[in-house]
């Protein structure tokens, strides 16, 4: 049971961080095609978050999955601001988003490879990883 909660919390935090990062970079992007790609990724993260919320209470009395805390949001924002201070190009922003996306893939793969989770949790984690792997391929063209 604990493995399911831990997996859902990790994926929820990853999706939350992804949404935050996209929110923070979106106003820096001028290229409409790139904005559309980022909005699609944001929507995918939102979809994963909703799926987690739908099953979370099945595994935990607290029906609210963990998300990133205020300090992590501030640190994410600050990091993006500093790294785009002199370079707001599509390439730089794509690089930053790819770095975060790759961290999410790594965490998701660790869960899939090492943790014994129920099938519904496994399916959400697998969908999360697959979605991010697709995003990596799309984001590469903006480097």
N, C-alpha and C. Protein backbone atom coordinates (compact mmCIF):
# COMPACT_ATOMS: atom_id res chain seq x y z
N UNK A 1 0.82 -1.19 0.00
CA UNK A 1 0.00 0.00 0.00
C UNK A 1 0.87 1.26 0.00
N UNK A 2 1.92 1.26 0.82
CA UNK A 2 2.79 2.43 0.91
C UNK A 2 3.49 2.72 -0.41
N UNK A 3 3.87 1.68 -1.13
CA UNK A 3 4.52 1.87 -2.44
C UNK A 3 3.61 2.60 -3.41
N UNK A 4 2.31 2.30 -3.35
CA UNK A 4 1.35 2.97 -4.23
C UNK A 4 1.27 4.46 -3.92
N UNK A 5 1.18 4.79 -2.64
CA UNK A 5 1.12 6.19 -2.22
C UNK A 5 2.40 6.92 -2.62
N UNK A 6 3.54 6.31 -2.34
CA UNK A 6 4.82 6.94 -2.69
C UNK A 6 4.91 7.19 -4.20
N UNK A 7 4.51 6.21 -4.99
CA UNK A 7 4.56 6.36 -6.44
C UNK A 7 3.63 7.48 -6.91
N UNK A 8 2.41 7.48 -6.40
CA UNK A 8 1.45 8.52 -6.79
C UNK A 8 1.95 9.91 -6.36
N UNK A 9 2.51 10.01 -5.16
CA UNK A 9 3.03 11.29 -4.69
C UNK A 9 4.19 11.78 -5.56
N UNK A 10 5.09 10.87 -5.91
CA UNK A 10 6.24 11.26 -6.74
C UNK A 10 5.79 11.76 -8.11
N UNK A 11 4.87 11.04 -8.72
CA UNK A 11 4.38 11.44 -10.04
C UNK A 11 3.57 12.73 -9.94
N UNK A 12 2.81 12.88 -8.88
CA UNK A 12 2.06 14.10 -8.67
C UNK A 12 2.99 15.30 -8.53
N UNK A 13 4.07 15.14 -7.76
CA UNK A 13 5.04 16.21 -7.60
C UNK A 13 5.72 16.53 -8.93
N UNK A 14 6.06 15.50 -9.68
CA UNK A 14 6.69 15.72 -10.98
C UNK A 14 5.78 16.46 -11.94
N UNK A 15 4.51 16.08 -11.98
CA UNK A 15 3.55 16.76 -12.85
C UNK A 15 3.35 18.20 -12.39
N UNK A 16 3.32 18.41 -11.10
CA UNK A 16 3.16 19.75 -10.55
C UNK A 16 4.36 20.63 -10.91
N UNK A 17 5.55 20.09 -10.79
CA UNK A 17 6.76 20.84 -11.15
C UNK A 17 6.77 21.14 -12.64
N UNK A 18 6.34 20.17 -13.44
CA UNK A 18 6.28 20.39 -14.88
C UNK A 18 5.33 21.51 -15.24
N UNK A 19 4.15 21.51 -14.62
CA UNK A 19 3.18 22.58 -14.88
C UNK A 19 3.75 23.93 -14.44
N UNK A 20 4.39 23.96 -13.27
CA UNK A 20 4.98 25.22 -12.78
C UNK A 20 6.03 25.74 -13.76
N UNK A 21 6.93 24.86 -14.17
CA UNK A 21 8.01 25.28 -15.07
C UNK A 21 7.45 25.82 -16.39
N UNK A 22 6.48 25.13 -16.94
CA UNK A 22 5.88 25.59 -18.20
C UNK A 22 5.20 26.94 -17.99
N UNK A 23 4.49 27.07 -16.89
CA UNK A 23 3.84 28.34 -16.57
C UNK A 23 4.87 29.47 -16.49
N UNK A 24 6.02 29.20 -15.89
CA UNK A 24 7.05 30.23 -15.72
C UNK A 24 7.75 30.60 -17.03
N UNK A 25 7.87 29.67 -17.97
CA UNK A 25 8.58 29.98 -19.22
C UNK A 25 7.65 30.47 -20.34
N UNK A 26 6.38 30.20 -20.22
CA UNK A 26 5.46 30.47 -21.32
C UNK A 26 5.48 31.92 -21.79
N UNK A 27 5.58 32.86 -20.86
CA UNK A 27 5.57 34.27 -21.27
C UNK A 27 6.87 34.70 -21.93
N UNK A 28 7.90 33.86 -21.87
CA UNK A 28 9.17 34.16 -22.52
C UNK A 28 9.21 33.66 -23.96
N UNK A 29 8.26 32.80 -24.32
CA UNK A 29 8.25 32.17 -25.64
C UNK A 29 7.43 33.02 -26.61
N UNK A 30 8.05 33.37 -27.72
CA UNK A 30 7.36 34.17 -28.73
C UNK A 30 6.86 33.32 -29.89
N UNK A 31 7.51 32.21 -30.14
CA UNK A 31 7.16 31.33 -31.25
C UNK A 31 5.87 30.57 -30.92
N UNK A 32 4.84 30.74 -31.75
CA UNK A 32 3.53 30.13 -31.47
C UNK A 32 3.58 28.61 -31.51
N UNK A 33 4.34 28.04 -32.42
CA UNK A 33 4.45 26.58 -32.49
C UNK A 33 5.04 26.02 -31.20
N UNK A 34 6.07 26.68 -30.69
CA UNK A 34 6.69 26.26 -29.45
C UNK A 34 5.72 26.43 -28.28
N UNK A 35 4.99 27.54 -28.24
CA UNK A 35 3.98 27.74 -27.20
C UNK A 35 2.95 26.62 -27.22
N UNK A 36 2.51 26.24 -28.43
CA UNK A 36 1.52 25.16 -28.56
C UNK A 36 2.06 23.84 -28.02
N UNK A 37 3.33 23.57 -28.29
CA UNK A 37 3.96 22.34 -27.78
C UNK A 37 3.98 22.37 -26.25
N UNK A 38 4.36 23.51 -25.68
CA UNK A 38 4.41 23.62 -24.23
C UNK A 38 3.03 23.51 -23.61
N UNK A 39 2.04 24.11 -24.24
CA UNK A 39 0.67 24.02 -23.72
C UNK A 39 0.15 22.59 -23.78
N UNK A 40 0.52 21.85 -24.81
CA UNK A 40 0.13 20.44 -24.91
C UNK A 40 0.77 19.66 -23.76
N UNK A 41 2.04 19.93 -23.50
CA UNK A 41 2.71 19.25 -22.39
C UNK A 41 2.05 19.62 -21.06
N UNK A 42 1.70 20.89 -20.89
CA UNK A 42 1.01 21.33 -19.69
C UNK A 42 -0.31 20.57 -19.52
N UNK A 43 -1.08 20.48 -20.60
CA UNK A 43 -2.35 19.75 -20.56
C UNK A 43 -2.15 18.27 -20.21
N UNK A 44 -1.07 17.69 -20.74
CA UNK A 44 -0.77 16.28 -20.42
C UNK A 44 -0.46 16.12 -18.93
N UNK A 45 0.30 17.06 -18.37
CA UNK A 45 0.58 17.02 -16.93
C UNK A 45 -0.72 17.17 -16.13
N UNK A 46 -1.57 18.06 -16.58
CA UNK A 46 -2.86 18.27 -15.90
C UNK A 46 -3.70 16.99 -15.94
N UNK A 47 -3.70 16.31 -17.07
CA UNK A 47 -4.43 15.06 -17.23
C UNK A 47 -3.91 13.99 -16.26
N UNK A 48 -2.60 13.88 -16.16
CA UNK A 48 -1.98 12.92 -15.21
C UNK A 48 -2.37 13.29 -13.78
N UNK A 49 -2.32 14.58 -13.46
CA UNK A 49 -2.68 15.03 -12.11
C UNK A 49 -4.12 14.65 -11.78
N UNK A 50 -5.00 14.82 -12.73
CA UNK A 50 -6.41 14.47 -12.51
C UNK A 50 -6.59 12.97 -12.32
N UNK A 51 -5.86 12.16 -13.06
CA UNK A 51 -5.94 10.70 -12.90
C UNK A 51 -5.45 10.28 -11.52
N UNK A 52 -4.39 10.95 -11.05
CA UNK A 52 -3.89 10.64 -9.71
C UNK A 52 -4.94 11.00 -8.66
N UNK A 53 -5.54 12.17 -8.80
CA UNK A 53 -6.57 12.61 -7.85
C UNK A 53 -7.76 11.64 -7.84
N UNK A 54 -8.07 11.08 -8.99
CA UNK A 54 -9.21 10.16 -9.09
C UNK A 54 -9.01 8.88 -8.29
N UNK A 55 -7.76 8.42 -8.17
CA UNK A 55 -7.55 7.14 -7.46
C UNK A 55 -6.84 7.30 -6.12
N UNK A 56 -6.39 8.48 -5.80
CA UNK A 56 -5.56 8.68 -4.61
C UNK A 56 -6.24 8.22 -3.33
N UNK A 57 -7.49 8.55 -3.16
CA UNK A 57 -8.20 8.20 -1.91
C UNK A 57 -8.34 6.68 -1.75
N UNK A 58 -8.19 5.95 -2.82
CA UNK A 58 -8.22 4.49 -2.75
C UNK A 58 -7.03 3.94 -1.94
N UNK A 59 -5.94 4.70 -1.92
CA UNK A 59 -4.72 4.24 -1.26
C UNK A 59 -4.36 5.03 0.00
N UNK A 60 -5.04 6.13 0.24
CA UNK A 60 -4.68 6.98 1.36
C UNK A 60 -5.93 7.68 1.88
N UNK A 61 -6.04 7.80 3.20
CA UNK A 61 -7.18 8.49 3.79
C UNK A 61 -7.19 9.97 3.40
N UNK A 62 -6.02 10.53 3.27
CA UNK A 62 -5.91 11.91 2.80
C UNK A 62 -6.11 11.87 1.29
N UNK A 63 -7.11 12.56 0.81
CA UNK A 63 -7.42 12.45 -0.61
C UNK A 63 -6.73 13.49 -1.47
N UNK A 64 -5.68 14.13 -0.93
CA UNK A 64 -4.95 15.14 -1.69
C UNK A 64 -3.52 14.67 -1.94
N UNK A 65 -3.19 14.38 -3.18
CA UNK A 65 -1.81 13.97 -3.50
C UNK A 65 -0.84 15.12 -3.23
N UNK A 66 0.39 14.76 -2.92
CA UNK A 66 1.42 15.77 -2.68
C UNK A 66 1.76 16.48 -3.98
N UNK A 67 1.98 17.76 -3.86
CA UNK A 67 2.46 18.56 -4.99
C UNK A 67 3.70 19.29 -4.52
N UNK A 68 4.26 20.11 -5.37
CA UNK A 68 5.44 20.85 -4.97
C UNK A 68 5.04 21.92 -3.96
N UNK A 69 5.94 22.18 -3.02
CA UNK A 69 5.65 23.20 -2.02
C UNK A 69 6.06 24.58 -2.53
N UNK A 70 5.72 25.59 -1.78
CA UNK A 70 5.97 26.97 -2.19
C UNK A 70 7.46 27.23 -2.41
N UNK A 71 8.30 26.67 -1.57
CA UNK A 71 9.74 26.88 -1.71
C UNK A 71 10.25 26.29 -3.03
N UNK A 72 9.79 25.10 -3.38
CA UNK A 72 10.20 24.50 -4.65
C UNK A 72 9.72 25.34 -5.83
N UNK A 73 8.52 25.89 -5.73
CA UNK A 73 8.00 26.75 -6.80
C UNK A 73 8.88 27.99 -6.96
N UNK A 74 9.24 28.60 -5.84
CA UNK A 74 10.10 29.79 -5.88
C UNK A 74 11.46 29.44 -6.47
N UNK A 75 12.01 28.32 -6.06
CA UNK A 75 13.33 27.91 -6.57
C UNK A 75 13.26 27.62 -8.07
N UNK A 76 12.19 27.00 -8.51
CA UNK A 76 12.01 26.73 -9.94
C UNK A 76 11.92 28.04 -10.71
N UNK A 77 11.09 28.95 -10.21
CA UNK A 77 10.93 30.25 -10.86
C UNK A 77 12.27 30.98 -10.92
N UNK A 78 12.97 31.02 -9.79
CA UNK A 78 14.24 31.73 -9.71
C UNK A 78 15.26 31.12 -10.68
N UNK A 79 15.34 29.82 -10.69
CA UNK A 79 16.27 29.15 -11.60
C UNK A 79 15.99 29.47 -13.06
N UNK A 80 14.73 29.47 -13.42
CA UNK A 80 14.34 29.79 -14.80
C UNK A 80 14.68 31.25 -15.11
N UNK A 81 14.37 32.14 -14.18
CA UNK A 81 14.67 33.56 -14.38
C UNK A 81 16.16 33.78 -14.59
N UNK A 82 16.98 33.15 -13.77
CA UNK A 82 18.43 33.35 -13.86
C UNK A 82 18.99 32.76 -15.17
N UNK A 83 18.48 31.58 -15.54
CA UNK A 83 19.01 30.92 -16.72
C UNK A 83 18.52 31.53 -18.03
N UNK A 84 17.47 32.33 -17.96
CA UNK A 84 16.96 32.98 -19.18
C UNK A 84 17.19 34.49 -19.15
N UNK A 85 17.96 34.96 -18.21
CA UNK A 85 18.22 36.40 -18.09
C UNK A 85 18.85 36.96 -19.36
N UNK A 86 19.82 36.25 -19.89
CA UNK A 86 20.52 36.74 -21.08
C UNK A 86 20.17 35.96 -22.34
N UNK A 87 19.45 34.87 -22.20
CA UNK A 87 19.12 34.04 -23.36
C UNK A 87 17.70 33.50 -23.21
N UNK A 88 16.78 34.09 -23.96
CA UNK A 88 15.38 33.65 -23.94
C UNK A 88 15.01 32.94 -25.24
N UNK A 89 16.01 32.39 -25.89
CA UNK A 89 15.77 31.73 -27.17
C UNK A 89 14.98 30.44 -26.97
N UNK A 90 14.35 30.00 -28.05
CA UNK A 90 13.65 28.71 -28.02
C UNK A 90 14.59 27.61 -27.57
N UNK A 91 15.83 27.67 -28.06
CA UNK A 91 16.81 26.64 -27.74
C UNK A 91 17.07 26.58 -26.24
N UNK A 92 17.26 27.73 -25.61
CA UNK A 92 17.55 27.76 -24.17
C UNK A 92 16.35 27.27 -23.37
N UNK A 93 15.17 27.73 -23.74
CA UNK A 93 13.96 27.32 -23.01
C UNK A 93 13.69 25.84 -23.21
N UNK A 94 13.87 25.36 -24.44
CA UNK A 94 13.69 23.93 -24.70
C UNK A 94 14.68 23.11 -23.87
N UNK A 95 15.90 23.59 -23.76
CA UNK A 95 16.91 22.90 -22.96
C UNK A 95 16.47 22.79 -21.50
N UNK A 96 15.97 23.89 -20.95
CA UNK A 96 15.52 23.89 -19.55
C UNK A 96 14.35 22.94 -19.35
N UNK A 97 13.38 22.98 -20.25
CA UNK A 97 12.21 22.10 -20.14
C UNK A 97 12.64 20.64 -20.30
N UNK A 98 13.56 20.39 -21.23
CA UNK A 98 14.06 19.02 -21.43
C UNK A 98 14.76 18.49 -20.18
N UNK A 99 15.51 19.32 -19.51
CA UNK A 99 16.20 18.88 -18.29
C UNK A 99 15.19 18.42 -17.24
N UNK A 100 14.14 19.20 -17.05
CA UNK A 100 13.10 18.82 -16.10
C UNK A 100 12.35 17.58 -16.54
N UNK A 101 12.05 17.51 -17.82
CA UNK A 101 11.33 16.36 -18.36
C UNK A 101 12.15 15.09 -18.18
N UNK A 102 13.45 15.18 -18.43
CA UNK A 102 14.31 14.01 -18.25
C UNK A 102 14.38 13.56 -16.80
N UNK A 103 14.34 14.51 -15.86
CA UNK A 103 14.30 14.14 -14.44
C UNK A 103 13.02 13.37 -14.13
N UNK A 104 11.92 13.80 -14.72
CA UNK A 104 10.65 13.10 -14.54
C UNK A 104 10.67 11.69 -15.11
N UNK A 105 11.30 11.54 -16.27
CA UNK A 105 11.42 10.21 -16.88
C UNK A 105 12.23 9.30 -15.97
N UNK A 106 13.33 9.81 -15.45
CA UNK A 106 14.19 9.00 -14.57
C UNK A 106 13.41 8.55 -13.34
N UNK A 107 12.71 9.48 -12.68
CA UNK A 107 11.94 9.10 -11.49
C UNK A 107 10.85 8.10 -11.83
N UNK A 108 10.17 8.33 -12.93
CA UNK A 108 9.11 7.41 -13.35
C UNK A 108 9.65 6.02 -13.65
N UNK A 109 10.78 5.96 -14.35
CA UNK A 109 11.38 4.65 -14.68
C UNK A 109 11.84 3.93 -13.42
N UNK A 110 12.36 4.66 -12.45
CA UNK A 110 12.76 4.04 -11.18
C UNK A 110 11.55 3.38 -10.51
N UNK A 111 10.43 4.08 -10.54
CA UNK A 111 9.22 3.52 -9.94
C UNK A 111 8.80 2.26 -10.69
N UNK A 112 8.80 2.34 -12.01
CA UNK A 112 8.37 1.19 -12.81
C UNK A 112 9.32 0.00 -12.64
N UNK A 113 10.60 0.28 -12.49
CA UNK A 113 11.60 -0.79 -12.42
C UNK A 113 11.76 -1.40 -11.03
N UNK A 114 11.50 -0.62 -9.98
CA UNK A 114 11.86 -1.10 -8.64
C UNK A 114 10.71 -1.27 -7.67
N UNK A 115 9.61 -0.65 -7.93
CA UNK A 115 8.54 -0.69 -6.93
C UNK A 115 7.41 -1.60 -7.37
N UNK A 116 6.92 -2.30 -6.41
CA UNK A 116 5.75 -3.14 -6.63
C UNK A 116 4.51 -2.30 -6.37
N UNK A 117 3.84 -1.92 -7.43
CA UNK A 117 2.65 -1.10 -7.29
C UNK A 117 1.47 -1.80 -7.98
N UNK A 118 0.29 -1.43 -7.57
CA UNK A 118 -0.90 -2.00 -8.18
C UNK A 118 -1.02 -1.58 -9.64
N UNK A 119 -1.82 -2.31 -10.38
CA UNK A 119 -1.92 -2.10 -11.82
C UNK A 119 -2.39 -0.69 -12.17
N UNK A 120 -3.37 -0.14 -11.44
CA UNK A 120 -3.85 1.20 -11.79
C UNK A 120 -2.78 2.27 -11.56
N UNK A 121 -1.97 2.10 -10.52
CA UNK A 121 -0.87 3.02 -10.25
C UNK A 121 0.21 2.85 -11.33
N UNK A 122 0.53 1.61 -11.63
CA UNK A 122 1.51 1.31 -12.68
C UNK A 122 1.10 1.95 -14.00
N UNK A 123 -0.18 1.87 -14.33
CA UNK A 123 -0.67 2.43 -15.59
C UNK A 123 -0.49 3.95 -15.64
N UNK A 124 -0.74 4.63 -14.53
CA UNK A 124 -0.57 6.08 -14.49
C UNK A 124 0.90 6.45 -14.61
N UNK A 125 1.76 5.74 -13.88
CA UNK A 125 3.20 6.01 -13.95
C UNK A 125 3.71 5.75 -15.36
N UNK A 126 3.26 4.67 -15.95
CA UNK A 126 3.67 4.33 -17.31
C UNK A 126 3.20 5.40 -18.30
N UNK A 127 1.98 5.87 -18.15
CA UNK A 127 1.47 6.93 -19.02
C UNK A 127 2.28 8.21 -18.85
N UNK A 128 2.64 8.52 -17.62
CA UNK A 128 3.45 9.70 -17.31
C UNK A 128 4.81 9.62 -18.02
N UNK A 129 5.47 8.48 -17.90
CA UNK A 129 6.78 8.30 -18.52
C UNK A 129 6.66 8.35 -20.04
N UNK A 130 5.70 7.67 -20.59
CA UNK A 130 5.51 7.66 -22.05
C UNK A 130 5.23 9.06 -22.56
N UNK A 131 4.39 9.81 -21.86
CA UNK A 131 4.07 11.18 -22.25
C UNK A 131 5.34 12.02 -22.26
N UNK A 132 6.16 11.89 -21.24
CA UNK A 132 7.37 12.69 -21.17
C UNK A 132 8.38 12.28 -22.24
N UNK A 133 8.48 11.00 -22.52
CA UNK A 133 9.38 10.56 -23.57
C UNK A 133 8.94 11.12 -24.93
N UNK A 134 7.63 11.18 -25.15
CA UNK A 134 7.12 11.80 -26.39
C UNK A 134 7.49 13.28 -26.43
N UNK A 135 7.35 13.95 -25.30
CA UNK A 135 7.67 15.37 -25.23
C UNK A 135 9.15 15.62 -25.53
N UNK A 136 10.01 14.77 -25.05
CA UNK A 136 11.46 14.91 -25.33
C UNK A 136 11.68 14.95 -26.83
N UNK A 137 11.07 14.02 -27.54
CA UNK A 137 11.25 13.96 -28.99
C UNK A 137 10.75 15.22 -29.67
N UNK A 138 9.65 15.76 -29.22
CA UNK A 138 9.08 16.98 -29.82
C UNK A 138 9.96 18.19 -29.47
N UNK A 139 10.42 18.26 -28.23
CA UNK A 139 11.20 19.41 -27.79
C UNK A 139 12.58 19.48 -28.46
N UNK A 140 13.11 18.35 -28.87
CA UNK A 140 14.44 18.32 -29.49
C UNK A 140 14.54 19.24 -30.69
N UNK A 141 13.46 19.39 -31.42
CA UNK A 141 13.55 20.22 -32.64
C UNK A 141 13.65 21.71 -32.32
N UNK A 142 13.42 22.08 -31.07
CA UNK A 142 13.54 23.49 -30.69
C UNK A 142 14.91 23.83 -30.09
N UNK A 143 15.78 22.82 -29.97
CA UNK A 143 17.13 23.07 -29.42
C UNK A 143 17.98 23.89 -30.39
